[in-house]
C-alpha atoms as a PDB file:
ATOM      1  CA  MET A   1     161.706 -81.073-132.757  1.00  0.00           C
ATOM      2  CA  GLU A   2     157.620 -80.552-134.158  1.00  0.00           C
ATOM      3  CA  LEU A   3     157.522 -83.733-135.815  1.00  0.00           C
ATOM      4  CA  PHE A   4     156.744 -84.543-132.253  1.00  0.00           C
ATOM      5  CA  GLU A   5     154.723 -81.530-131.115  1.00  0.00           C
ATOM      6  CA  LYS A   6     152.572 -83.181-134.171  1.00  0.00           C
ATOM      7  CA  ILE A   7     152.637 -86.374-132.551  1.00  0.00           C
ATOM      8  CA  GLU A   8     151.828 -85.167-128.991  1.00  0.00           C
ATOM      9  CA  GLY A   9     149.007 -83.425-130.459  1.00  0.00           C
ATOM     10  CA  ILE A  10     147.276 -86.291-131.940  1.00  0.00           C
ATOM     11  CA  PHE A  11     148.239 -88.469-128.514  1.00  0.00           C
ATOM     12  CA  LEU A  12     146.093 -86.267-126.845  1.00  0.00           C
ATOM     13  CA  LEU A  13     143.500 -85.824-129.347  1.00  0.00           C
ATOM     14  CA  VAL A  14     142.734 -89.663-129.714  1.00  0.00           C
ATOM     15  CA  VAL A  15     143.095 -89.976-125.510  1.00  0.00           C
ATOM     16  CA  ASN A  16     139.842 -87.441-125.215  1.00  0.00           C
ATOM     17  CA  TYR A  17     138.028 -88.843-126.861  1.00  0.00           C
ATOM     18  CA  CYS A  18     138.838 -92.113-125.686  1.00  0.00           C
ATOM     19  CA  VAL A  19     137.994 -90.842-122.602  1.00  0.00           C
ATOM     20  CA  LEU A  20     134.606 -89.046-123.925  1.00  0.00           C
ATOM     21  CA  ILE A  21     133.357 -91.778-125.765  1.00  0.00           C
ATOM     22  CA  VAL A  22     133.914 -94.275-122.167  1.00  0.00           C
ATOM     23  CA  GLU A  23     132.742 -91.859-120.213  1.00  0.00           C
ATOM     24  CA  LEU A  24     129.254 -91.537-122.780  1.00  0.00           C
ATOM     25  CA  ILE A  25     129.307 -95.200-122.188  1.00  0.00           C
ATOM     26  CA  GLY A  26     129.185 -95.237-118.625  1.00  0.00           C
ATOM     27  CA  VAL A  27     126.637 -92.512-118.514  1.00  0.00           C
ATOM     28  CA  ALA A  28     124.161 -94.348-121.118  1.00  0.00           C
ATOM     29  CA  ILE A  29     124.746 -97.515-119.078  1.00  0.00           C
ATOM     30  CA  LEU A  30     123.115 -95.305-115.915  1.00  0.00           C
ATOM     31  CA  VAL A  31     120.449 -93.808-117.333  1.00  0.00           C
ATOM     32  CA  TRP A  32     119.558 -97.759-119.011  1.00  0.00           C
ATOM     33  CA  ALA A  33     119.381 -99.122-115.603  1.00  0.00           C
ATOM     34  CA  VAL A  34     117.442 -96.032-113.795  1.00  0.00           C
ATOM     35  CA  VAL A  35     114.786 -96.303-116.585  1.00  0.00           C
ATOM     36  CA  ARG A  36     114.482-100.224-116.000  1.00  0.00           C
ATOM     37  CA  ALA A  37     114.616 -99.465-112.466  1.00  0.00           C
ATOM     38  CA  ILE A  38     111.658 -97.518-112.843  1.00  0.00           C
ATOM     39  CA  LEU A  39     109.468 -99.246-115.262  1.00  0.00           C
ATOM     40  CA  GLY A  40     111.008-102.564-112.993  1.00  0.00           C
ATOM     41  CA  LEU A  41     109.284-100.826-110.252  1.00  0.00           C
ATOM     42  CA  ILE A  42     106.032-100.378-111.718  1.00  0.00           C
ATOM     43  CA  ARG A  43     105.712-103.469-112.662  1.00  0.00           C
ATOM     44  CA  LYS A  44     106.266-104.895-109.213  1.00  0.00           C
ATOM     45  CA  GLN A  45     109.478-106.925-110.755  1.00  0.00           C
ATOM     46  CA  GLU A  46     111.044-108.389-107.431  1.00  0.00           C
ATOM     47  CA  ARG A  47     115.004-107.976-108.665  1.00  0.00           C
ATOM     48  CA  VAL A  48     114.783-104.151-109.133  1.00  0.00           C
ATOM     49  CA  ARG A  49     117.680-103.623-106.714  1.00  0.00           C
ATOM     50  CA  LEU A  50     119.556-106.195-106.993  1.00  0.00           C
ATOM     51  CA  ASP A  51     119.444-104.875-111.561  1.00  0.00           C
ATOM     52  CA  LEU A  52     119.665-101.183-110.162  1.00  0.00           C
ATOM     53  CA  ALA A  53     122.819-102.144-108.500  1.00  0.00           C
ATOM     54  CA  GLU A  54     124.306-103.560-110.898  1.00  0.00           C
ATOM     55  CA  GLY A  55     123.746-101.471-113.698  1.00  0.00           C
ATOM     56  CA  ILE A  56     125.121 -98.579-111.445  1.00  0.00           C
ATOM     57  CA  ALA A  57     128.327-100.684-110.497  1.00  0.00           C
ATOM     58  CA  LEU A  58     128.767-101.311-114.548  1.00  0.00           C
ATOM     59  CA  ALA A  59     128.842 -97.560-115.107  1.00  0.00           C
ATOM     60  CA  LEU A  60     130.337 -97.279-112.140  1.00  0.00           C
ATOM     61  CA  GLU A  61     133.612 -98.748-113.871  1.00  0.00           C
ATOM     62  CA  PHE A  62     133.762 -97.510-117.438  1.00  0.00           C
ATOM     63  CA  LYS A  63     133.388 -93.751-115.379  1.00  0.00           C
ATOM     64  CA  LEU A  64     136.209 -95.325-113.317  1.00  0.00           C
ATOM     65  CA  GLY A  65     138.464 -96.386-116.970  1.00  0.00           C
ATOM     66  CA  SER A  66     137.569 -93.518-118.545  1.00  0.00           C
ATOM     67  CA  GLU A  67     139.188 -92.040-115.254  1.00  0.00           C
ATOM     68  CA  LEU A  68     142.067 -94.439-115.760  1.00  0.00           C
ATOM     69  CA  LEU A  69     142.355 -93.030-119.636  1.00  0.00           C
ATOM     70  CA  ARG A  70     142.863 -89.471-118.536  1.00  0.00           C
ATOM     71  CA  THR A  71     145.890 -89.963-116.433  1.00  0.00           C
ATOM     72  CA  LEU A  72     147.630 -90.432-119.333  1.00  0.00           C
ATOM     73  CA  VAL A  73     147.181 -86.525-120.670  1.00  0.00           C
ATOM     74  CA  VAL A  74     147.785 -84.945-116.866  1.00  0.00           C
ATOM     75  CA  ARG A  75     150.850 -83.106-116.837  1.00  0.00           C
ATOM     76  CA  GLU A  76     150.780 -81.504-112.993  1.00  0.00           C
ATOM     77  CA  TRP A  77     150.758 -82.585-110.009  1.00  0.00           C
ATOM     78  CA  GLU A  78     147.757 -81.022-108.540  1.00  0.00           C
ATOM     79  CA  GLU A  79     145.649 -81.985-111.413  1.00  0.00           C
ATOM     80  CA  LEU A  80     147.038 -85.980-110.883  1.00  0.00           C
ATOM     81  CA  LEU A  81     146.084 -85.715-106.738  1.00  0.00           C
ATOM     82  CA  ILE A  82     142.419 -84.649-108.316  1.00  0.00           C
ATOM     83  CA  LEU A  83     142.347 -87.492-110.595  1.00  0.00           C
ATOM     84  CA  GLY A  84     143.787 -89.881-107.781  1.00  0.00           C
ATOM     85  CA  ALA A  85     141.375 -89.243-104.704  1.00  0.00           C
ATOM     86  CA  VAL A  86     138.680 -88.807-107.560  1.00  0.00           C
ATOM     87  CA  ILE A  87     139.576 -92.879-108.964  1.00  0.00           C
ATOM     88  CA  LEU A  88     140.188 -93.305-105.128  1.00  0.00           C
ATOM     89  CA  LEU A  89     136.598 -92.763-104.502  1.00  0.00           C
ATOM     90  CA  ARG A  90     135.335 -94.454-107.683  1.00  0.00           C
ATOM     91  CA  ALA A  91     136.578 -97.574-106.500  1.00  0.00           C
ATOM     92  CA  ALA A  92     135.321 -97.342-102.974  1.00  0.00           C
ATOM     93  CA  LEU A  93     132.266 -96.731-104.177  1.00  0.00           C
ATOM     94  CA  THR A  94     132.738 -99.619-106.718  1.00  0.00           C
ATOM     95  CA  LEU A  95     133.636-101.752-103.524  1.00  0.00           C
ATOM     96  CA  LEU A  96     130.527-100.895-101.392  1.00  0.00           C
ATOM     97  CA  ILE A  97     128.087-101.335-104.098  1.00  0.00           C
ATOM     98  CA  GLN A  98     129.698-105.373-105.389  1.00  0.00           C
ATOM     99  CA  TRP A  99     129.205-105.989-100.983  1.00  0.00           C
ATOM    100  CA  GLU A 100     125.594-104.762-101.509  1.00  0.00           C
ATOM    101  CA  ILE A 101     125.615-106.468-104.684  1.00  0.00           C
ATOM    102  CA  LYS A 102     126.739-110.031-102.995  1.00  0.00           C
ATOM    103  CA  ILE A 103     124.672-109.145 -99.744  1.00  0.00           C
ATOM    104  CA  GLU A 104     121.372-108.898-102.416  1.00  0.00           C
ATOM    105  CA  LYS A 105     121.890-112.083-103.913  1.00  0.00           C
ATOM    106  CA  LYS A 106     122.433-114.024-100.594  1.00  0.00           C
ATOM    107  CA  ASN A 107     119.407-112.668 -99.195  1.00  0.00           C
ATOM    108  CA  GLU A 108     117.362-113.487-102.731  1.00  0.00           C
ATOM    109  CA  GLU A 109     118.587-116.952-102.767  1.00  0.00           C
ATOM    110  CA  LEU A 110     117.797-117.406 -99.163  1.00  0.00           C
ATOM    111  CA  ALA A 111     113.943-116.036 -99.902  1.00  0.00           C
ATOM    112  CA  ALA A 112     114.286-119.072-102.745  1.00  0.00           C
ATOM    113  CA  GLN A 113     114.875-121.845-100.311  1.00  0.00           C
ATOM    114  CA  LYS A 114     112.464-120.440 -98.098  1.00  0.00           C
ATOM    115  CA  LYS A 115     109.626-120.552-100.901  1.00  0.00           C
ATOM    116  CA  GLU A 116     110.652-123.752-101.794  1.00  0.00           C
ATOM    117  CA  GLU A 117     110.736-125.485 -98.422  1.00  0.00           C
ATOM    118  CA  GLU A 118     107.054-124.020 -98.033  1.00  0.00           C
ATOM    119  CA  LYS A 119     106.119-125.809-100.931  1.00  0.00           C
ATOM    120  CA  SER A 120     107.833-128.907-100.311  1.00  0.00           C
ATOM    121  CA  PHE A 121     105.925-129.443 -97.152  1.00  0.00           C
ATOM    122  CA  SER A 122     102.037-131.337 -97.730  1.00  0.00           C
ATOM    123  CA  PRO A 123      99.271-129.569 -95.556  1.00  0.00           C
ATOM    124  CA  SER A 124      98.657-133.209 -93.870  1.00  0.00           C
ATOM    125  CA  GLN A 125     102.520-132.439 -92.619  1.00  0.00           C
ATOM    126  CA  LYS A 126     101.737-129.274 -91.218  1.00  0.00           C
ATOM    127  CA  ASP A 127      99.391-130.554 -89.507  1.00  0.00           C
ATOM    128  CA  GLU A 128     102.051-132.935 -87.371  1.00  0.00           C
END
């Protein structure tokens, strides 16, 4: 029995460190995305909103991964229900952000097509 308790202790320790590392990566990605967005706003870049949304989505994926790892060490039903609710909320947020990214990319493509069409018309064609 003592061997199993030691193995369980090591397992809990490894899982908890992995959760912390994955969450730290998620936080670092989120901070990096926000800093890039702020710099992009200052420089008046075009893709600021899209880049920020992609950074938030990636950070949420890491946070979701850490929550899934955390399910390995949950011992009570109450904890599991709370963790399940957190996972569902983060998954829903991720889906919404991915949907927004998709819409933003379509809008960006349409704007680029419109610019190309405007460039392709010469001044003499506009007069006719």
